[in-house]
Amino acid sequence: MTPLKLLWASPLPPIRSGVADYAAEILPALAERADVVVVRPPGWEAPPGAAWARGLSFLDSAAATPPDRLSLLHLGNNPYHLWIAKRLRQAGGIVVLHDTVLHHLLVEEAATEGAWERFEEELEMAHPGQGGALARGRRWGFWGRLDPFLFPARRALLAHAQAVIVHSRRAAQVVAADLPATPVRCVPLAVARVLGDGRRAMRARLGARAGELVVVHLGYLTPAKGLATVLEGVAALRSLGVAVRLVVVGEESGFGSLEPTVRSLGLEGQVVVWGWATQEELADLLAAADVGVVPRYPTAGETSAAALRFLAAGKPILVSGYAQFLELPAEAALRLCPDAAGVADFVRHLASFSGERRKAAGRAAQRAWREGGHDPRDAAQHLLAAVGEVAGGLAGRG
C-alpha cells in the first residue's frame, strides 16, 4: 500500500503548548508509516538536537499545500494556532481539533489583527441571532467568563474543513451536531509514558514527609483549571489531620498568582508552586506523585494530556465528573463535582486514599492508558486509519 502523503501543521517545540508536545511525541511514529512534511510555524527554528525532528522534511509556513498532499491542520484555542486558522480559511484541509471551544482563538485573532468586523460576522454565523450582539459587546470590553463556553463558535472555522478528527466521543458528538455534512472521526490522543526513577529524591526535594500524600496538578494555570477547589480541599484535609502536599506544575497565566489564596488558607507549608518543568523534572515529579488532579471546569472540550500523562505513569487522577472526562474509567479517574461543590468529593476520595486502594487505582490507570490507544505508536496508527478513511470518502465525492 502506498503511504499517505501528509502535510502537518501545528505548534512545535520549543513552544510550551500541549499540542506542541503532542506533535513531538506522535510525529516520529507517524513518519515511520507515512510520508510526512511538517510546516514550520512562522518564526520557528528547530531546537538543536531535537530527536523528534530527525528525518522529517519541513516546508515554509508561507508555502501553499502541495497538490499531492493531505493537509492536517491542528487547531486549538490559544494564540499559537492563529496562523493555522488563517491557513484553514485560505485553503481548507482536514482539521485535527484539540479544543471544541474556539471562541478564545477568534477573540485573540480579532484583537491581534483588529479584525472585529470579521469576528462579528463569524460569531453571528456560528450562533445566529446571538453571536453578533455578543461580538459587539466583546469588542467594547463587555463579556462574561462563561461566554466562550456557552458560545463556542467552532462552526466559524470548521466550516472551512473538509473533515474533522477529534479525540473524544463527546467532541465527535458536538462537532457532528454543528456540521452534519462534514465527516467526523474520533481517534486516541497520543501521550507518551514519561517514567522517572527519582521518586525518593524528588519527594525529599518537595519536602514531603514519610506517609504524606503528594497530589500533583499539571498544566497552564487559568481559572478554569479548578485550583481554588483543590486548595480548599487541601485545607479541609489538613483540618482532618490528613498529611497532604500539593505540587502545582505549570506556568501561571495572566489571571493572578496563587499565592494570595495559599496564604489566606494558611497553606504555605503544604503547597509547592513548581512552575514550568523540564522533561527530566516532569518524569521525577510524576514518580513522586501519589495522585494527579485535573478538576477543569468549565472545559474547552479538550482531551486532557495532563490526565493521560498521569494514567501513563500509573497514577490515578481526580477529574471533574462531566463532559469528556466521563469517558475515562471511573476506577482510575475519580469524579469530582464540577467547581466549588467538588471540595467535598476531593476530601472524600483522599481522606482514606492509601494502601491497596491506591495500588488498585494505579493499576487501573496504566490499563486505561494502554487500552485507550494513547501510546504514540498506537495513536499514529489510529490517526492514519482515520485520515485514510475520510480521504477516500472525499475522493469519492469527486
Protein backbone atom coordinates (compact mmCIF):
# COMPACT_ATOMS: atom_id res chain seq x y z
CA MET A 1 0.00 0.00 0.00
CA THR A 2 1.31 3.45 -0.94
CA PRO A 3 1.98 5.54 2.20
CA LEU A 4 -0.26 8.54 2.74
CA LYS A 5 1.38 11.85 1.86
CA LEU A 6 0.64 14.31 4.65
CA LEU A 7 1.35 17.97 5.32
CA TRP A 8 1.36 18.54 9.09
CA ALA A 9 0.67 22.00 10.55
CA SER A 10 0.75 22.50 14.33
CA PRO A 11 2.66 24.33 17.06
CA LEU A 12 6.04 22.67 17.60
CA PRO A 13 8.62 22.59 20.42
CA PRO A 14 10.23 24.63 21.89
CA ILE A 15 6.78 26.29 22.11
CA ARG A 16 5.34 25.41 25.53
CA SER A 17 1.99 24.10 24.42
CA GLY A 18 0.17 20.81 24.84
CA VAL A 19 -0.30 20.47 21.08
CA ALA A 20 3.43 21.09 20.51
CA ASP A 21 4.22 18.28 22.97
CA TYR A 22 1.70 16.04 21.18
CA ALA A 23 3.35 16.76 17.82
CA ALA A 24 6.81 15.86 19.12
CA GLU A 25 5.52 12.58 20.54
CA ILE A 26 3.46 11.36 17.59
CA LEU A 27 5.44 12.65 14.59
CA PRO A 28 8.28 10.08 14.79
CA ALA A 29 5.77 7.22 14.92
CA LEU A 30 3.72 8.79 12.13
CA ALA A 31 6.77 9.27 9.92
CA GLU A 32 7.50 5.53 10.12
CA ARG A 33 4.15 4.81 8.45
CA ALA A 34 3.51 7.80 6.19
CA ASP A 35 5.29 10.39 4.05
CA VAL A 36 5.14 13.44 6.33
CA VAL A 37 6.18 17.02 5.59
CA VAL A 38 5.92 19.44 8.50
CA VAL A 39 5.02 23.12 8.12
CA ARG A 40 7.32 25.44 10.06
CA PRO A 41 5.32 27.78 12.28
CA PRO A 42 6.10 31.45 11.50
CA GLY A 43 9.43 32.46 13.03
CA TRP A 44 10.10 28.92 14.24
CA GLU A 45 13.51 27.23 14.26
CA ALA A 46 14.11 23.58 15.11
CA PRO A 47 15.72 23.20 18.55
CA PRO A 48 19.27 21.87 18.23
CA GLY A 49 19.50 18.10 18.54
CA ALA A 50 15.74 17.55 18.79
CA ALA A 51 15.29 13.79 18.40
CA TRP A 52 11.68 14.10 17.24
CA ALA A 53 12.68 16.25 14.23
CA ARG A 54 15.28 13.85 12.81
CA GLY A 55 14.46 12.67 9.31
CA LEU A 56 11.46 14.97 8.90
CA SER A 57 11.10 17.33 5.94
CA PHE A 58 9.92 20.90 6.53
CA LEU A 59 8.01 23.45 4.46
CA ASP A 60 7.86 27.20 5.00
CA SER A 61 4.61 28.44 6.52
CA ALA A 62 4.02 30.81 3.59
CA ALA A 63 4.14 27.96 1.05
CA ALA A 64 0.99 26.52 -0.46
CA THR A 65 -0.05 22.94 0.22
CA PRO A 66 1.45 20.69 -2.49
CA PRO A 67 -1.40 19.28 -4.61
CA ASP A 68 -0.47 15.66 -3.86
CA ARG A 69 -0.61 16.07 -0.06
CA LEU A 70 -3.38 15.87 2.51
CA SER A 71 -3.22 18.87 4.81
CA LEU A 72 -3.61 18.08 8.53
CA LEU A 73 -4.28 21.32 10.42
CA HIS A 74 -4.12 21.08 14.20
CA LEU A 75 -6.46 23.59 15.75
CA GLY A 76 -6.63 24.68 19.38
CA ASN A 77 -7.88 27.82 21.08
CA ASN A 78 -4.69 29.64 22.08
CA PRO A 79 -2.65 32.18 20.07
CA TYR A 80 -0.15 29.57 18.83
CA HIS A 81 -2.88 28.47 16.39
CA LEU A 82 -3.57 31.85 14.76
CA TRP A 83 -1.51 31.05 11.68
CA ILE A 84 -3.26 27.70 11.32
CA ALA A 85 -6.70 29.36 11.38
CA LYS A 86 -5.53 31.66 8.58
CA ARG A 87 -4.27 28.68 6.57
CA LEU A 88 -7.56 26.85 7.09
CA ARG A 89 -9.60 29.80 5.79
CA GLN A 90 -7.37 30.12 2.73
CA ALA A 91 -7.03 26.51 1.63
CA GLY A 92 -9.17 24.21 3.78
CA GLY A 93 -7.86 20.82 4.86
CA ILE A 94 -8.52 18.10 7.41
CA VAL A 95 -8.70 19.63 10.89
CA VAL A 96 -7.42 17.74 13.92
CA LEU A 97 -9.41 19.54 16.60
CA HIS A 98 -7.84 19.79 20.05
CA ASP A 99 -10.43 22.15 21.60
CA THR A 100 -14.13 22.18 20.74
CA VAL A 101 -14.37 25.76 22.05
CA LEU A 102 -12.70 28.10 19.53
CA HIS A 103 -14.17 31.38 20.78
CA HIS A 104 -10.93 32.30 22.59
CA LEU A 105 -8.93 31.91 19.37
CA LEU A 106 -11.29 34.17 17.43
CA VAL A 107 -11.02 36.84 20.13
CA GLU A 108 -7.20 36.65 20.06
CA GLU A 109 -7.29 36.92 16.28
CA ALA A 110 -9.62 39.93 16.28
CA ALA A 111 -7.53 41.71 18.91
CA THR A 112 -4.24 40.93 17.12
CA GLU A 113 -5.39 41.92 13.63
CA GLY A 114 -8.07 44.47 14.51
CA ALA A 115 -10.49 42.29 12.53
CA TRP A 116 -13.53 42.95 14.72
CA GLU A 117 -15.95 43.10 11.78
CA ARG A 118 -14.96 39.58 10.71
CA PHE A 119 -15.24 38.44 14.34
CA GLU A 120 -18.81 39.75 14.45
CA GLU A 121 -19.70 38.09 11.14
CA GLU A 122 -18.23 34.75 12.14
CA LEU A 123 -19.78 34.71 15.60
CA GLU A 124 -23.16 35.51 14.09
CA MET A 125 -22.70 32.72 11.55
CA ALA A 126 -21.80 30.29 14.34
CA HIS A 127 -24.63 31.44 16.65
CA PRO A 128 -27.37 33.10 14.57
CA GLY A 129 -29.38 35.75 16.36
CA GLN A 130 -26.99 35.99 19.31
CA GLY A 131 -23.39 35.88 18.10
CA GLY A 132 -23.33 39.32 16.51
CA ALA A 133 -24.54 41.07 19.64
CA LEU A 134 -22.09 39.09 21.75
CA ALA A 135 -19.21 40.06 19.43
CA ARG A 136 -20.12 43.75 19.57
CA GLY A 137 -20.13 43.64 23.35
CA ARG A 138 -16.78 41.86 23.42
CA ARG A 139 -15.25 44.46 21.13
CA TRP A 140 -16.03 47.16 23.68
CA GLY A 141 -15.00 45.16 26.73
CA PHE A 142 -18.33 43.71 27.87
CA TRP A 143 -18.19 39.96 28.36
CA GLY A 144 -18.69 37.21 30.91
CA ARG A 145 -16.35 34.42 31.99
CA LEU A 146 -18.63 31.73 30.61
CA ASP A 147 -19.33 33.42 27.25
CA PRO A 148 -16.75 31.38 25.28
CA PHE A 149 -18.07 28.12 26.69
CA LEU A 150 -21.72 28.96 26.06
CA PHE A 151 -20.92 30.25 22.55
CA PRO A 152 -18.01 28.03 21.39
CA ALA A 153 -18.01 29.41 17.81
CA ARG A 154 -16.41 26.28 16.36
CA ARG A 155 -18.54 26.45 13.20
CA ALA A 156 -16.85 29.73 12.25
CA LEU A 157 -13.60 27.90 11.43
CA LEU A 158 -14.70 24.31 10.96
CA ALA A 159 -16.99 25.36 8.11
CA HIS A 160 -13.77 25.55 6.04
CA ALA A 161 -12.69 21.98 6.93
CA GLN A 162 -13.06 19.01 4.59
CA ALA A 163 -13.21 16.68 7.60
CA VAL A 164 -12.64 16.90 11.36
CA ILE A 165 -10.72 14.49 13.60
CA VAL A 166 -11.26 14.68 17.37
CA HIS A 167 -10.02 12.87 20.48
CA SER A 168 -13.20 12.11 22.42
CA ARG A 169 -16.70 10.81 21.77
CA ARG A 170 -18.10 13.97 23.33
CA ALA A 171 -16.15 16.13 20.86
CA ALA A 172 -17.35 13.98 17.95
CA GLN A 173 -20.97 14.47 19.05
CA VAL A 174 -20.86 18.26 19.34
CA VAL A 175 -18.93 18.74 16.08
CA ALA A 176 -21.26 16.42 14.17
CA ALA A 177 -24.26 18.32 15.56
CA ASP A 178 -22.82 21.63 14.31
CA LEU A 179 -21.61 20.29 10.94
CA PRO A 180 -23.83 17.36 9.93
CA ALA A 181 -22.45 17.26 6.37
CA THR A 182 -18.78 17.14 7.45
CA PRO A 183 -17.06 13.77 8.09
CA VAL A 184 -16.01 13.46 11.76
CA ARG A 185 -13.76 10.74 13.17
CA CYS A 186 -12.56 10.06 16.73
CA VAL A 187 -9.02 8.82 17.45
CA PRO A 188 -6.99 8.49 20.71
CA LEU A 189 -4.80 11.39 21.77
CA ALA A 190 -1.12 10.43 21.69
CA VAL A 191 0.54 10.85 25.09
CA ALA A 192 3.86 9.14 25.76
CA ARG A 193 4.73 7.42 29.01
CA VAL A 194 7.20 9.56 30.96
CA LEU A 195 8.92 7.45 33.60
CA GLY A 196 11.37 8.63 36.24
CA ASP A 197 13.29 6.71 38.88
CA GLY A 198 13.80 9.62 41.27
CA ARG A 199 10.70 9.23 43.47
CA ARG A 200 12.55 9.29 46.78
CA ALA A 201 14.86 12.17 45.83
CA MET A 202 12.03 14.25 44.37
CA ARG A 203 9.78 13.73 47.39
CA ALA A 204 12.64 14.90 49.59
CA ARG A 205 13.12 17.93 47.32
CA LEU A 206 9.41 18.72 47.65
CA GLY A 207 9.62 18.47 51.42
CA ALA A 208 7.19 15.53 51.58
CA ARG A 209 7.36 13.56 54.81
CA ALA A 210 7.00 9.79 55.06
CA GLY A 211 3.37 8.86 54.61
CA GLU A 212 2.40 12.28 53.25
CA LEU A 213 0.06 12.16 50.25
CA VAL A 214 1.58 14.03 47.29
CA VAL A 215 -1.04 15.49 44.95
CA VAL A 216 0.22 16.94 41.65
CA HIS A 217 -1.54 19.35 39.28
CA LEU A 218 -0.16 19.68 35.73
CA GLY A 219 -0.90 22.35 33.16
CA TYR A 220 -1.02 26.02 32.25
CA LEU A 221 -2.74 27.79 35.12
CA THR A 222 -6.04 29.50 34.34
CA PRO A 223 -9.24 29.95 36.41
CA ALA A 224 -10.84 27.05 34.51
CA LYS A 225 -8.23 24.63 35.88
CA GLY A 226 -10.09 24.42 39.20
CA LEU A 227 -7.21 25.13 41.55
CA ALA A 228 -9.40 27.06 44.01
CA THR A 229 -11.35 23.86 44.63
CA VAL A 230 -8.15 21.88 45.11
CA LEU A 231 -6.67 24.39 47.55
CA GLU A 232 -9.82 24.39 49.65
CA GLY A 233 -9.77 20.61 49.60
CA VAL A 234 -6.18 20.55 50.84
CA ALA A 235 -7.12 22.93 53.66
CA ALA A 236 -10.06 20.71 54.63
CA LEU A 237 -7.86 17.58 54.65
CA ARG A 238 -5.31 19.32 56.83
CA SER A 239 -8.06 20.21 59.33
CA LEU A 240 -8.94 16.50 59.45
CA GLY A 241 -5.33 15.58 60.21
CA VAL A 242 -4.56 14.14 56.76
CA ALA A 243 -0.98 14.84 55.71
CA VAL A 244 -1.13 16.11 52.13
CA ARG A 245 1.17 18.18 49.92
CA LEU A 246 0.01 19.87 46.71
CA VAL A 247 2.52 20.41 43.91
CA VAL A 248 1.42 22.82 41.17
CA VAL A 249 3.37 22.27 37.94
CA GLY A 250 2.88 24.68 35.05
CA GLU A 251 3.25 28.29 34.03
CA GLU A 252 0.90 30.84 35.55
CA SER A 253 -1.37 32.77 33.20
CA GLY A 254 -2.10 36.45 33.48
CA PHE A 255 -5.10 35.85 35.74
CA GLY A 256 -3.25 36.35 39.01
CA SER A 257 -0.99 34.43 41.35
CA LEU A 258 -1.95 31.51 43.57
CA GLU A 259 -0.03 32.99 46.48
CA PRO A 260 -2.82 35.15 47.99
CA THR A 261 -5.19 32.15 48.12
CA VAL A 262 -2.47 29.92 49.56
CA ARG A 263 -1.75 32.50 52.28
CA SER A 264 -5.42 33.09 53.08
CA LEU A 265 -5.92 29.35 53.66
CA GLY A 266 -2.72 29.06 55.71
CA LEU A 267 -1.24 26.52 53.28
CA GLU A 268 2.26 27.94 52.84
CA GLY A 269 3.74 24.72 54.23
CA GLN A 270 1.55 22.38 52.15
CA VAL A 271 1.76 23.87 48.63
CA VAL A 272 4.74 23.86 46.28
CA VAL A 273 4.39 26.06 43.17
CA TRP A 274 6.93 24.48 40.84
CA GLY A 275 6.34 26.42 37.61
CA TRP A 276 7.38 25.01 34.25
CA ALA A 277 9.13 21.63 34.46
CA THR A 278 11.77 20.16 32.17
CA GLN A 279 11.20 16.66 30.79
CA GLU A 280 13.54 15.19 33.40
CA GLU A 281 11.84 17.09 36.22
CA LEU A 282 8.42 16.05 34.96
CA ALA A 283 9.43 12.39 34.99
CA ASP A 284 10.53 12.60 38.61
CA LEU A 285 7.51 14.68 39.64
CA LEU A 286 5.22 12.00 38.20
CA ALA A 287 7.22 9.34 40.04
CA ALA A 288 6.87 11.31 43.29
CA ALA A 289 3.11 11.78 42.90
CA ASP A 290 0.54 9.60 44.63
CA VAL A 291 -2.39 11.07 42.71
CA GLY A 292 -2.92 13.63 39.95
CA VAL A 293 -5.66 16.22 39.88
CA VAL A 294 -7.36 17.63 36.76
CA PRO A 295 -10.51 19.43 38.01
CA ARG A 296 -11.17 21.54 34.91
CA TYR A 297 -14.41 23.49 34.86
CA PRO A 298 -15.62 24.72 32.53
CA THR A 299 -13.81 22.82 29.78
CA ALA A 300 -12.91 23.84 26.25
CA GLY A 301 -13.65 20.27 25.17
CA GLU A 302 -10.02 19.22 25.20
CA THR A 303 -8.92 15.66 25.91
CA SER A 304 -6.58 16.41 28.78
CA ALA A 305 -3.00 15.42 28.01
CA ALA A 306 -2.24 16.06 31.69
CA ALA A 307 -4.81 13.47 32.75
CA LEU A 308 -3.41 10.92 30.30
CA ARG A 309 0.15 11.70 31.42
CA PHE A 310 -0.78 10.65 34.96
CA LEU A 311 -2.52 7.50 33.75
CA ALA A 312 0.51 6.55 31.62
CA ALA A 313 2.69 6.79 34.74
CA GLY A 314 0.30 4.55 36.67
CA LYS A 315 -1.07 7.39 38.79
CA PRO A 316 -4.82 7.65 39.46
CA ILE A 317 -6.42 11.04 38.95
CA LEU A 318 -9.22 13.22 40.26
CA VAL A 319 -11.23 14.76 37.41
CA SER A 320 -14.34 16.89 37.04
CA GLY A 321 -17.21 14.47 36.60
CA TYR A 322 -18.77 15.80 33.42
CA ALA A 323 -18.44 16.00 29.63
CA GLN A 324 -15.44 14.21 28.06
CA PHE A 325 -13.88 13.35 31.43
CA LEU A 326 -16.65 10.81 31.97
CA GLU A 327 -15.12 8.75 29.16
CA LEU A 328 -12.19 7.88 31.44
CA PRO A 329 -12.76 4.72 33.53
CA ALA A 330 -14.07 5.58 36.99
CA GLU A 331 -11.71 3.18 38.79
CA ALA A 332 -8.72 5.22 37.51
CA ALA A 333 -10.32 8.68 37.20
CA LEU A 334 -12.20 9.50 40.41
CA ARG A 335 -15.00 12.01 39.91
CA LEU A 336 -15.30 15.47 41.45
CA CYS A 337 -18.48 17.50 41.27
CA PRO A 338 -17.63 20.46 39.00
CA ASP A 339 -16.50 23.76 40.54
CA ALA A 340 -16.69 24.58 44.27
CA ALA A 341 -19.02 21.67 45.03
CA GLY A 342 -16.09 19.37 44.31
CA VAL A 343 -14.34 20.18 47.60
CA ALA A 344 -16.37 17.54 49.47
CA ASP A 345 -15.58 14.92 46.80
CA PHE A 346 -11.88 15.82 46.93
CA VAL A 347 -11.85 15.25 50.69
CA ARG A 348 -13.94 12.09 50.48
CA HIS A 349 -11.65 10.47 47.92
CA LEU A 350 -8.34 11.38 49.55
CA ALA A 351 -9.10 11.11 53.25
CA SER A 352 -8.66 7.33 53.04
CA PHE A 353 -6.72 7.00 49.80
CA SER A 354 -3.96 4.66 50.87
CA GLY A 355 -2.70 1.12 50.75
CA GLU A 356 -4.39 -1.41 48.47
CA ARG A 357 -7.00 1.04 47.20
CA ARG A 358 -4.33 3.34 45.80
CA LYS A 359 -2.41 0.43 44.25
CA ALA A 360 -5.55 -0.87 42.54
CA ALA A 361 -6.31 2.60 41.18
CA GLY A 362 -2.74 2.84 39.87
CA ARG A 363 -3.07 -0.46 38.03
CA ALA A 364 -6.36 0.72 36.54
CA ALA A 365 -4.65 3.94 35.45
CA GLN A 366 -1.96 2.16 33.44
CA ARG A 367 -4.56 -0.14 31.92
CA ALA A 368 -6.71 2.84 30.86
CA TRP A 369 -3.76 4.48 29.08
CA ARG A 370 -2.71 1.28 27.33
CA GLU A 371 -6.16 0.05 26.31
CA GLY A 372 -7.21 3.56 25.29
CA GLY A 373 -4.63 3.51 22.47
CA HIS A 374 -2.71 6.53 23.77
CA ASP A 375 0.78 5.15 23.21
CA PRO A 376 2.11 7.30 20.32
CA ARG A 377 2.70 4.28 18.07
CA ASP A 378 -0.88 3.07 18.56
CA ALA A 379 -2.29 6.58 18.27
CA ALA A 380 -0.38 7.13 14.99
CA GLN A 381 -1.99 4.02 13.51
CA HIS A 382 -5.46 5.19 14.54
CA LEU A 383 -4.83 8.65 13.10
CA LEU A 384 -3.62 7.30 9.76
CA ALA A 385 -6.60 4.95 9.52
CA ALA A 386 -8.99 7.85 10.14
CA VAL A 387 -7.23 10.13 7.64
CA GLY A 388 -7.18 7.38 5.02
CA GLU A 389 -10.88 6.73 5.54
CA VAL A 390 -12.01 10.33 5.23
CA ALA A 391 -9.61 10.95 2.33
CA GLY A 392 -11.15 8.02 0.47
CA GLY A 393 -14.60 9.45 1.07
CA LEU A 394 -13.55 12.91 -0.10
CA ALA A 395 -12.02 11.45 -3.26
CA GLY A 396 -15.25 9.58 -3.89
CA ARG A 397 -17.18 12.86 -3.77
CA GLY A 398 -15.01 13.91 -6.59
